[in-house]
N, C-alpha and C. Protein backbone atom coordinates (compact mmCIF):
# COMPACT_ATOMS: atom_id res chain seq x y z
N MET A 1 0.93 -0.92 0.01
CA MET A 1 -0.03 0.05 -0.14
C MET A 1 0.81 1.08 -0.13
N LEU A 2 0.39 2.31 -0.87
CA LEU A 2 1.47 3.57 -0.60
C LEU A 2 0.77 4.11 0.42
N ARG A 3 2.09 5.09 1.31
CA ARG A 3 2.02 6.00 1.87
C ARG A 3 2.50 7.17 2.00
N GLU A 4 2.08 8.50 2.47
CA GLU A 4 2.61 9.59 2.26
C GLU A 4 4.43 9.73 2.31
N GLY A 5 4.83 10.39 1.16
CA GLY A 5 6.60 10.17 1.26
C GLY A 5 6.94 9.01 0.39
N ASP A 6 5.78 7.94 -0.10
CA ASP A 6 6.42 6.86 -0.77
C ASP A 6 7.38 7.42 -1.70
N GLY A 7 8.01 6.84 -2.96
CA GLY A 7 8.82 7.39 -4.03
C GLY A 7 8.22 6.77 -5.23
N VAL A 8 7.38 6.96 -6.04
CA VAL A 8 7.03 6.16 -7.23
C VAL A 8 7.28 7.14 -8.21
N THR A 9 7.85 6.36 -9.49
CA THR A 9 8.77 6.88 -10.40
C THR A 9 8.09 6.77 -11.75
N GLY A 10 8.53 7.15 -12.72
CA GLY A 10 7.84 6.48 -14.32
C GLY A 10 8.71 7.26 -15.08
N GLY A 11 8.78 7.06 -16.39
CA GLY A 11 9.35 7.57 -17.16
C GLY A 11 9.38 6.57 -18.60
N ILE A 12 9.43 7.70 -19.65
CA ILE A 12 9.19 6.96 -21.34
C ILE A 12 10.60 7.41 -21.84
N PHE A 13 10.99 6.57 -23.21
CA PHE A 13 12.27 7.33 -23.67
C PHE A 13 11.68 7.07 -25.20
N PHE A 14 12.77 7.74 -25.99
CA PHE A 14 12.97 7.33 -27.54
C PHE A 14 14.49 7.71 -27.96
N GLY A 15 14.67 6.85 -28.89
CA GLY A 15 15.98 7.28 -29.19
C GLY A 15 16.17 6.12 -30.38
N ALA A 16 17.62 6.21 -30.49
CA ALA A 16 18.33 5.10 -31.69
C ALA A 16 19.08 3.95 -31.04
N ALA A 17 18.93 2.92 -31.60
CA ALA A 17 19.74 1.91 -31.15
C ALA A 17 20.47 1.32 -32.38
N PHE A 18 21.41 1.02 -32.10
CA PHE A 18 22.58 0.58 -33.30
C PHE A 18 23.37 -0.95 -33.26
N ASN A 19 23.19 -1.90 -33.98
CA ASN A 19 23.06 -2.98 -33.89
C ASN A 19 24.02 -3.90 -34.87
N ASN A 20 24.80 -4.78 -34.68
CA ASN A 20 25.41 -6.02 -35.77
C ASN A 20 24.86 -6.90 -36.21
N GLY A 21 23.34 -6.92 -35.74
CA GLY A 21 22.45 -8.37 -36.10
C GLY A 21 22.38 -8.66 -37.81
N TYR A 22 21.63 -9.57 -37.49
CA TYR A 22 21.24 -9.80 -38.93
C TYR A 22 20.30 -8.99 -39.86
N ILE A 23 20.55 -8.39 -41.01
CA ILE A 23 19.44 -7.69 -41.92
C ILE A 23 18.48 -8.68 -42.01
N LEU A 24 18.59 -9.84 -42.84
CA LEU A 24 18.07 -11.00 -43.03
C LEU A 24 18.61 -12.47 -42.39
N ALA A 25 18.03 -12.61 -41.37
CA ALA A 25 18.89 -13.80 -40.72
C ALA A 25 19.03 -15.13 -41.59
N PRO A 26 20.05 -15.92 -41.59
CA PRO A 26 20.13 -17.41 -41.96
C PRO A 26 19.28 -18.15 -41.70
N ASN A 27 18.96 -18.32 -40.53
CA ASN A 27 17.91 -19.13 -39.53
C ASN A 27 16.76 -18.26 -38.96
N ARG A 28 15.89 -18.24 -39.78
CA ARG A 28 14.96 -17.41 -38.93
C ARG A 28 14.06 -18.16 -37.75
N HIS A 29 14.41 -19.22 -37.44
CA HIS A 29 13.68 -20.27 -36.17
C HIS A 29 14.91 -19.64 -35.02
N GLU A 30 15.91 -19.50 -35.28
CA GLU A 30 16.97 -18.90 -34.25
C GLU A 30 17.51 -17.70 -33.77
N ARG A 31 17.09 -16.78 -34.95
CA ARG A 31 17.93 -15.63 -34.87
C ARG A 31 16.74 -14.46 -35.75
N LYS A 32 16.72 -13.24 -35.03
CA LYS A 32 15.50 -12.20 -35.86
C LYS A 32 16.36 -11.60 -37.41
N SER A 33 15.49 -11.44 -37.69
CA SER A 33 15.95 -10.21 -39.37
C SER A 33 15.29 -8.78 -38.85
N LEU A 34 16.34 -8.30 -38.16
CA LEU A 34 16.10 -6.93 -38.13
C LEU A 34 16.25 -5.83 -38.88
N GLY A 35 16.25 -5.91 -40.06
CA GLY A 35 15.90 -5.01 -41.09
C GLY A 35 17.18 -4.18 -41.52
N GLY A 36 17.82 -3.75 -40.58
CA GLY A 36 18.93 -2.57 -40.70
C GLY A 36 19.79 -2.22 -39.51
N ALA A 37 20.95 -1.94 -39.64
CA ALA A 37 21.91 -1.53 -38.43
C ALA A 37 21.09 -0.42 -37.61
N THR A 38 20.44 0.22 -37.63
CA THR A 38 19.95 1.72 -36.97
C THR A 38 18.50 1.13 -36.98
N LEU A 39 17.95 1.04 -35.59
CA LEU A 39 16.65 0.66 -35.08
C LEU A 39 16.57 1.95 -34.29
N PHE A 40 14.41 1.95 -34.07
CA PHE A 40 14.15 2.96 -32.97
C PHE A 40 14.11 2.31 -32.11
N HIS A 41 14.54 2.92 -30.69
CA HIS A 41 14.25 2.24 -29.26
C HIS A 41 13.66 3.26 -28.48
N VAL A 42 12.48 2.42 -27.90
CA VAL A 42 11.47 3.28 -26.98
C VAL A 42 11.28 2.05 -26.23
N GLY A 43 10.69 3.02 -24.91
CA GLY A 43 10.34 2.02 -23.76
C GLY A 43 9.82 3.05 -23.08
N GLY A 44 9.33 2.47 -21.48
CA GLY A 44 9.05 3.01 -20.32
C GLY A 44 9.26 2.19 -19.40
N GLU A 45 9.34 3.05 -18.23
CA GLU A 45 9.47 2.27 -16.55
C GLU A 45 8.51 2.72 -15.83
N VAL A 46 8.44 2.06 -14.61
CA VAL A 46 7.64 2.56 -13.74
C VAL A 46 8.08 1.96 -12.47
N GLY A 47 8.69 2.42 -11.45
CA GLY A 47 9.08 2.41 -10.18
C GLY A 47 8.48 2.36 -8.78
N TYR A 48 9.12 2.06 -7.79
CA TYR A 48 9.05 2.49 -6.32
C TYR A 48 10.10 2.38 -5.76
N GLU A 49 10.08 3.69 -4.81
CA GLU A 49 11.28 3.49 -3.69
C GLU A 49 10.88 2.73 -2.47
N ILE A 50 11.41 1.88 -2.25
CA ILE A 50 11.23 1.00 -1.03
C ILE A 50 11.49 1.66 0.16
N THR A 51 12.88 2.11 0.25
CA THR A 51 13.63 3.12 1.22
C THR A 51 14.43 4.14 0.10
N PRO A 52 15.09 4.88 0.68
CA PRO A 52 16.22 5.80 0.48
C PRO A 52 17.20 5.61 -0.44
N THR A 53 17.61 4.15 0.21
CA THR A 53 18.76 3.34 -0.53
C THR A 53 18.27 2.38 -1.52
N TYR A 54 17.01 1.52 -1.77
CA TYR A 54 16.71 0.94 -2.30
C TYR A 54 15.46 0.68 -3.08
N ASN A 55 15.33 0.48 -4.48
CA ASN A 55 14.13 0.78 -5.49
C ASN A 55 13.91 -0.47 -6.52
N VAL A 56 13.00 -0.58 -6.73
CA VAL A 56 12.37 -1.70 -7.45
C VAL A 56 11.63 -1.09 -8.90
N SER A 57 11.61 -1.59 -9.99
CA SER A 57 10.96 -1.28 -11.29
C SER A 57 10.63 -1.89 -12.57
N LEU A 58 9.64 -1.84 -12.96
CA LEU A 58 9.15 -3.05 -14.39
C LEU A 58 9.58 -2.14 -15.24
N TYR A 59 10.43 -2.28 -16.40
CA TYR A 59 10.45 -1.63 -17.31
C TYR A 59 10.04 -2.68 -18.71
N LEU A 60 10.25 -1.83 -19.89
CA LEU A 60 9.58 -2.45 -21.11
C LEU A 60 10.35 -1.63 -22.07
N ASN A 61 11.05 -2.20 -23.12
CA ASN A 61 12.14 -1.74 -23.81
C ASN A 61 11.42 -2.50 -25.79
N HIS A 62 11.48 -1.83 -26.36
CA HIS A 62 10.83 -2.06 -28.22
C HIS A 62 12.05 -1.88 -29.01
N SER A 63 12.63 -2.16 -29.83
CA SER A 63 13.26 -1.90 -30.86
C SER A 63 12.99 -2.46 -32.18
N SER A 64 12.82 -1.42 -33.21
CA SER A 64 12.41 -2.27 -34.24
C SER A 64 12.69 -0.76 -35.24
N ASN A 65 12.91 -1.09 -36.85
CA ASN A 65 12.70 -0.29 -37.42
C ASN A 65 11.60 0.32 -37.78
N GLY A 66 10.78 0.59 -37.40
CA GLY A 66 9.68 1.00 -37.69
C GLY A 66 8.81 0.80 -39.05
N GLY A 67 9.36 -0.40 -39.44
CA GLY A 67 8.73 -0.49 -40.61
C GLY A 67 9.45 -0.24 -42.02
N PHE A 68 10.20 0.82 -41.83
CA PHE A 68 11.13 1.68 -43.25
C PHE A 68 11.67 0.65 -43.55
N ASP A 69 12.29 -0.64 -43.32
CA ASP A 69 12.81 -1.84 -44.22
C ASP A 69 11.95 -3.49 -44.54
N ARG A 70 12.65 -3.69 -45.29
CA ARG A 70 11.53 -4.69 -45.64
C ARG A 70 11.58 -5.78 -44.34
N TYR A 71 12.33 -6.29 -43.70
CA TYR A 71 12.22 -7.30 -42.56
C TYR A 71 12.07 -6.36 -41.43
N ASN A 72 11.25 -6.62 -40.41
CA ASN A 72 11.33 -5.82 -39.01
C ASN A 72 10.96 -6.96 -38.28
N GLN A 73 11.33 -7.67 -37.59
CA GLN A 73 11.14 -8.49 -36.35
C GLN A 73 12.05 -7.87 -35.21
N ALA A 74 11.18 -7.30 -34.36
CA ALA A 74 11.60 -6.32 -33.50
C ALA A 74 11.82 -7.06 -32.23
N LEU A 75 12.88 -6.39 -31.27
CA LEU A 75 13.20 -6.82 -29.95
C LEU A 75 12.39 -6.07 -28.88
N ASN A 76 11.91 -7.00 -28.14
CA ASN A 76 11.15 -6.56 -27.31
C ASN A 76 11.68 -7.17 -25.86
N ASP A 77 11.52 -6.27 -24.77
CA ASP A 77 12.36 -6.47 -23.47
C ASP A 77 11.52 -6.25 -22.14
N LEU A 78 11.05 -6.92 -21.84
CA LEU A 78 10.09 -7.21 -19.90
C LEU A 78 11.15 -7.29 -19.26
N GLY A 79 11.22 -6.64 -18.27
CA GLY A 79 12.19 -7.10 -17.00
C GLY A 79 11.73 -6.18 -15.57
N LEU A 80 12.43 -7.10 -14.66
CA LEU A 80 12.37 -5.89 -13.05
C LEU A 80 13.65 -5.95 -13.03
N ARG A 81 13.47 -4.55 -12.63
CA ARG A 81 15.10 -3.79 -12.01
C ARG A 81 14.89 -3.43 -10.59
N PHE A 82 16.45 -3.96 -9.94
CA PHE A 82 16.65 -3.65 -8.45
C PHE A 82 17.69 -3.11 -8.63
N GLY A 83 17.51 -1.79 -7.86
CA GLY A 83 18.24 -0.63 -7.44
C GLY A 83 19.16 -0.14 -6.36
N VAL A 84 20.01 -0.36 -6.24
CA VAL A 84 20.65 0.35 -4.85
C VAL A 84 21.45 1.85 -4.89
N ARG A 85 21.10 2.55 -4.31
CA ARG A 85 21.73 3.92 -4.34
C ARG A 85 22.70 4.13 -3.52
N PHE A 86 24.10 4.30 -3.92
CA PHE A 86 25.34 4.67 -3.17
C PHE A 86 25.10 6.17 -2.56
């Protein structure tokens, strides 16, 4: 339950991602065809400050070429991040 003074955070981002992956993967069951070396990188995060030292957050990252190239198998990451402030 949230209490007064609890630290809830959130953020969104947009930028570029550069990779050396396959434009057209030779084995599409094991690798993704990314379509290009430059991709769009978007995502978001929501977090909670447990104490002033410890925090936890849930994030989602998405990278793709936005449909500008022939092949566009996106990379998606969903994760939980635990942080320690020094």
